[in-house]
Amino acid sequence: MKKKDKKWKFPKRSPLTYLLLILSVIVLFLAIFIPIQYVEYYNQNKVVPFETETKDVDVTHGSLSSLPDFNLLVTCTDYIDKKDTEDKQNQSSAKFRVSAYKNDQSDEKKVGNIKVKLAMCSNWIGVNRTYQFSSALTLYESLEKAQSNYRSATISGLPDLPVKGKLPFIHIDSIPLYIYVSYNTEENGKSKSHHYILKMNYNDYIEGATGGIID
């Protein structure tokens, strides 16, 4: 008499085991899905300051102190957040004073044709507001002269701070200032062009400003 083949059966598992399995799948899915959403959102709202202006030139990134051939003075005189004022129609704006003065290298290298463009940019919320001076800056002999002879700039169209992104945990409470500086030097009969992108954080440029400053 032939023995009957035994049918293979899944081992019995408790409901808790199946629940843990389902939860593991959900956690794995979220661990993959959520970062992808944030990466896509960041890429959609990513801002590259002065991307067009610097496309075909070599650029040095740094701070105001990175300029080797002269000093640049940038002061925020007014930062108006419209949500803190009675004017609800217009957007927030920032006012700046910009001037340049000599250092030890300026005369030796014959610095000239100093051009400056300002931009307030922020990733995650896609903010990119710019201001470009129409002509080159004058290079003054001293800090005192630069402080009293400046160029004014207003960057408008800024969002009211803080800004919340469309995804959780995205919270922007300040917007940095980027400064594109281009200039020429002439040394030993040779002319050379220089290009810098300088960054100032909110706390660096806002000190001393007035009008709706955010604490």
Protein backbone atom coordinates (compact mmCIF):
# COMPACT_ATOMS: atom_id res chain seq x y z
CA MET A 1 0.00 0.00 0.00
CA LYS A 2 1.46 3.35 -1.08
CA LYS A 3 1.90 6.07 1.44
CA LYS A 4 0.21 9.33 0.67
CA ASP A 5 2.52 12.28 0.09
CA LYS A 6 2.21 14.81 2.84
CA LYS A 7 1.15 18.26 1.68
CA TRP A 8 3.52 21.07 2.61
CA LYS A 9 1.90 23.68 4.76
CA PHE A 10 2.93 27.16 5.85
CA PRO A 11 3.91 27.23 9.46
CA LYS A 12 1.30 28.75 11.61
CA ARG A 13 1.94 32.36 12.54
CA SER A 14 0.20 34.51 15.06
CA PRO A 15 -1.74 37.65 14.02
CA LEU A 16 0.97 39.72 15.70
CA THR A 17 3.57 38.30 13.31
CA TYR A 18 1.53 39.32 10.27
CA LEU A 19 0.93 42.73 11.77
CA LEU A 20 4.66 43.25 12.29
CA LEU A 21 5.32 42.13 8.72
CA ILE A 22 2.82 44.63 7.35
CA LEU A 23 4.26 47.40 9.50
CA SER A 24 7.77 46.57 8.29
CA VAL A 25 6.66 46.89 4.68
CA ILE A 26 5.01 50.24 5.42
CA VAL A 27 8.10 51.56 7.22
CA LEU A 28 10.34 50.45 4.36
CA PHE A 29 8.07 52.14 1.84
CA LEU A 30 8.04 55.40 3.81
CA ALA A 31 11.81 55.26 4.30
CA ILE A 32 12.22 55.25 0.52
CA PHE A 33 9.27 57.42 -0.51
CA ILE A 34 9.71 60.36 1.90
CA PRO A 35 13.37 61.15 1.07
CA ILE A 36 12.53 60.97 -2.64
CA GLN A 37 9.76 63.53 -2.12
CA TYR A 38 12.09 65.90 -0.28
CA VAL A 39 14.83 65.55 -2.89
CA GLU A 40 12.38 66.25 -5.72
CA TYR A 41 10.91 69.22 -3.85
CA TYR A 42 14.38 70.64 -3.15
CA ASN A 43 15.46 70.26 -6.77
CA GLN A 44 12.29 71.98 -7.98
CA ASN A 45 12.96 74.97 -5.72
CA LYS A 46 16.75 75.05 -5.85
CA VAL A 47 18.27 78.43 -6.65
CA VAL A 48 21.75 78.95 -8.09
CA PRO A 49 22.74 82.60 -7.52
CA PHE A 50 23.99 84.40 -10.65
CA GLU A 51 23.91 81.23 -12.72
CA THR A 52 23.67 83.12 -16.02
CA GLU A 53 26.31 85.73 -15.20
CA THR A 54 28.90 83.16 -14.14
CA LYS A 55 28.23 80.52 -16.78
CA ASP A 56 31.46 81.04 -18.73
CA VAL A 57 33.81 82.47 -16.08
CA ASP A 58 35.83 81.13 -13.18
CA VAL A 59 34.23 82.21 -9.91
CA THR A 60 35.62 82.27 -6.39
CA HIS A 61 33.08 81.78 -3.59
CA GLY A 62 33.55 83.28 -0.16
CA SER A 63 32.62 86.12 2.20
CA LEU A 64 33.33 89.86 2.12
CA SER A 65 36.77 89.23 3.57
CA SER A 66 37.61 87.03 0.56
CA LEU A 67 38.20 90.01 -1.72
CA PRO A 68 41.99 90.40 -1.95
CA ASP A 69 42.36 93.64 -3.91
CA PHE A 70 39.94 96.05 -2.20
CA ASN A 71 37.31 96.16 0.54
CA LEU A 72 33.57 96.05 -0.06
CA LEU A 73 31.18 97.64 2.42
CA VAL A 74 27.62 96.27 2.40
CA THR A 75 25.08 97.50 4.94
CA CYS A 76 21.38 96.70 5.26
CA THR A 77 19.64 99.91 6.32
CA ASP A 78 16.06 98.69 6.26
CA TYR A 79 14.32 95.32 6.20
CA ILE A 80 10.56 95.70 6.04
CA ASP A 81 8.40 92.65 6.63
CA LYS A 82 4.95 93.62 5.38
CA LYS A 83 3.14 91.32 7.79
CA ASP A 84 4.42 93.52 10.62
CA THR A 85 3.11 96.74 9.06
CA GLU A 86 -0.26 98.17 8.02
CA ASP A 87 0.70 97.88 4.34
CA LYS A 88 -0.57 94.43 3.38
CA GLN A 89 -0.63 94.95 -0.40
CA ASN A 90 3.07 95.12 -1.23
CA GLN A 91 5.62 92.43 -0.52
CA SER A 92 8.53 92.65 1.88
CA SER A 93 11.72 94.46 0.85
CA ALA A 94 15.29 95.11 1.95
CA LYS A 95 17.41 98.24 1.42
CA PHE A 96 21.19 98.18 1.18
CA ARG A 97 24.12 100.58 0.93
CA VAL A 98 27.14 99.41 -1.04
CA SER A 99 30.54 101.05 -1.46
CA ALA A 100 34.16 100.07 -2.07
CA TYR A 101 37.42 101.36 -0.63
CA LYS A 102 41.09 100.63 -1.10
CA ASN A 103 43.35 98.23 0.74
CA ASP A 104 47.10 97.69 0.45
CA GLN A 105 46.74 95.89 -2.89
CA SER A 106 44.46 98.36 -4.67
CA ASP A 107 47.04 100.82 -6.00
CA GLU A 108 49.64 98.19 -6.78
CA LYS A 109 47.21 96.22 -8.93
CA LYS A 110 45.32 99.22 -10.35
CA VAL A 111 41.86 97.95 -9.49
CA GLY A 112 39.04 99.23 -11.69
CA ASN A 113 35.65 98.57 -13.30
CA ILE A 114 34.10 97.23 -10.09
CA LYS A 115 30.61 95.94 -10.85
CA VAL A 116 28.24 94.58 -8.23
CA LYS A 117 24.97 92.70 -8.35
CA LEU A 118 22.95 91.72 -5.28
CA ALA A 119 20.66 88.73 -4.89
CA MET A 120 18.56 87.40 -2.04
CA CYS A 121 18.10 83.69 -2.68
CA SER A 122 16.73 80.77 -0.74
CA ASN A 123 16.39 77.12 -1.62
CA TRP A 124 13.31 75.11 -0.64
CA ILE A 125 11.04 78.11 -1.35
CA GLY A 126 12.55 79.11 -4.70
CA VAL A 127 13.22 82.77 -3.85
CA ASN A 128 15.58 84.66 -6.19
CA ARG A 129 15.34 88.48 -6.12
CA THR A 130 18.12 90.59 -7.59
CA TYR A 131 19.37 94.15 -7.97
CA GLN A 132 22.14 95.27 -10.31
CA PHE A 133 23.88 98.63 -10.19
CA SER A 134 23.79 100.31 -13.58
CA SER A 135 27.43 101.45 -13.51
CA ALA A 136 30.74 100.56 -11.91
CA LEU A 137 31.42 101.47 -8.28
CA THR A 138 33.90 104.18 -7.34
CA LEU A 139 36.87 102.92 -5.36
CA TYR A 140 37.36 105.34 -2.46
CA GLU A 141 40.58 106.03 -0.63
CA SER A 142 39.33 105.18 2.86
CA LEU A 143 36.55 103.57 4.87
CA GLU A 144 35.36 106.99 6.03
CA LYS A 145 34.82 108.16 2.45
CA ALA A 146 33.12 104.90 1.53
CA GLN A 147 30.73 105.22 4.46
CA SER A 148 29.57 108.66 3.32
CA ASN A 149 29.62 107.96 -0.44
CA TYR A 150 27.58 104.86 -1.15
CA ARG A 151 25.22 103.40 -3.73
CA SER A 152 21.71 102.46 -2.65
CA ALA A 153 19.82 99.33 -3.63
CA THR A 154 16.35 98.01 -2.86
CA ILE A 155 15.45 94.36 -3.27
CA SER A 156 11.68 93.94 -3.32
CA GLY A 157 9.31 91.06 -3.85
CA LEU A 158 10.55 89.13 -0.82
CA PRO A 159 8.27 86.74 1.05
CA ASP A 160 7.05 87.47 4.54
CA LEU A 161 9.18 85.55 7.00
CA PRO A 162 9.09 82.91 8.28
CA VAL A 163 8.00 80.81 5.30
CA LYS A 164 6.70 77.28 5.58
CA GLY A 165 7.26 74.91 2.70
CA LYS A 166 4.61 72.61 1.26
CA LEU A 167 6.26 69.62 2.92
CA PRO A 168 6.49 69.13 6.70
CA PHE A 169 9.55 70.41 8.58
CA ILE A 170 10.48 72.96 5.88
CA HIS A 171 10.72 76.27 7.70
CA ILE A 172 12.66 79.25 6.32
CA ASP A 173 13.14 82.09 8.80
CA SER A 174 15.86 84.06 7.00
CA ILE A 175 17.16 84.71 3.48
CA PRO A 176 20.90 85.11 2.82
CA LEU A 177 22.35 87.84 0.64
CA TYR A 178 24.64 86.94 -2.27
CA ILE A 179 26.92 89.52 -3.88
CA TYR A 180 28.38 89.03 -7.34
CA VAL A 181 31.50 91.15 -7.75
CA SER A 182 33.49 91.48 -10.97
CA TYR A 183 36.46 93.78 -11.48
CA ASN A 184 39.70 94.20 -13.39
CA THR A 185 43.30 94.56 -12.26
CA GLU A 186 46.40 95.62 -14.14
CA GLU A 187 49.79 94.51 -12.88
CA ASN A 188 53.11 94.58 -14.74
CA GLY A 189 51.29 95.58 -17.90
CA LYS A 190 48.93 92.59 -17.75
CA SER A 191 45.17 92.96 -17.36
CA LYS A 192 43.11 90.36 -15.55
CA SER A 193 39.41 89.98 -14.73
CA HIS A 194 38.17 88.64 -11.41
CA HIS A 195 34.80 87.19 -10.41
CA TYR A 196 33.53 86.53 -6.89
CA ILE A 197 30.28 85.38 -5.31
CA LEU A 198 30.20 86.49 -1.69
CA LYS A 199 27.62 85.32 0.82
CA MET A 200 26.25 87.18 3.82
CA ASN A 201 23.95 85.40 6.23
CA TYR A 202 20.90 87.17 7.61
CA ASN A 203 22.52 87.89 10.97
CA ASP A 204 25.56 89.39 9.23
CA TYR A 205 23.75 91.99 7.13
CA ILE A 206 20.72 92.75 9.30
CA GLU A 207 22.61 94.25 12.24
CA GLY A 208 21.78 97.94 12.52
CA ALA A 209 18.88 97.81 10.08
CA THR A 210 15.49 99.29 10.96
CA GLY A 211 11.86 98.77 10.11
CA GLY A 212 10.07 95.51 10.85
CA ILE A 213 13.17 93.54 11.76
CA ILE A 214 12.39 89.96 12.70
CA ASP A 215 13.72 88.89 16.06
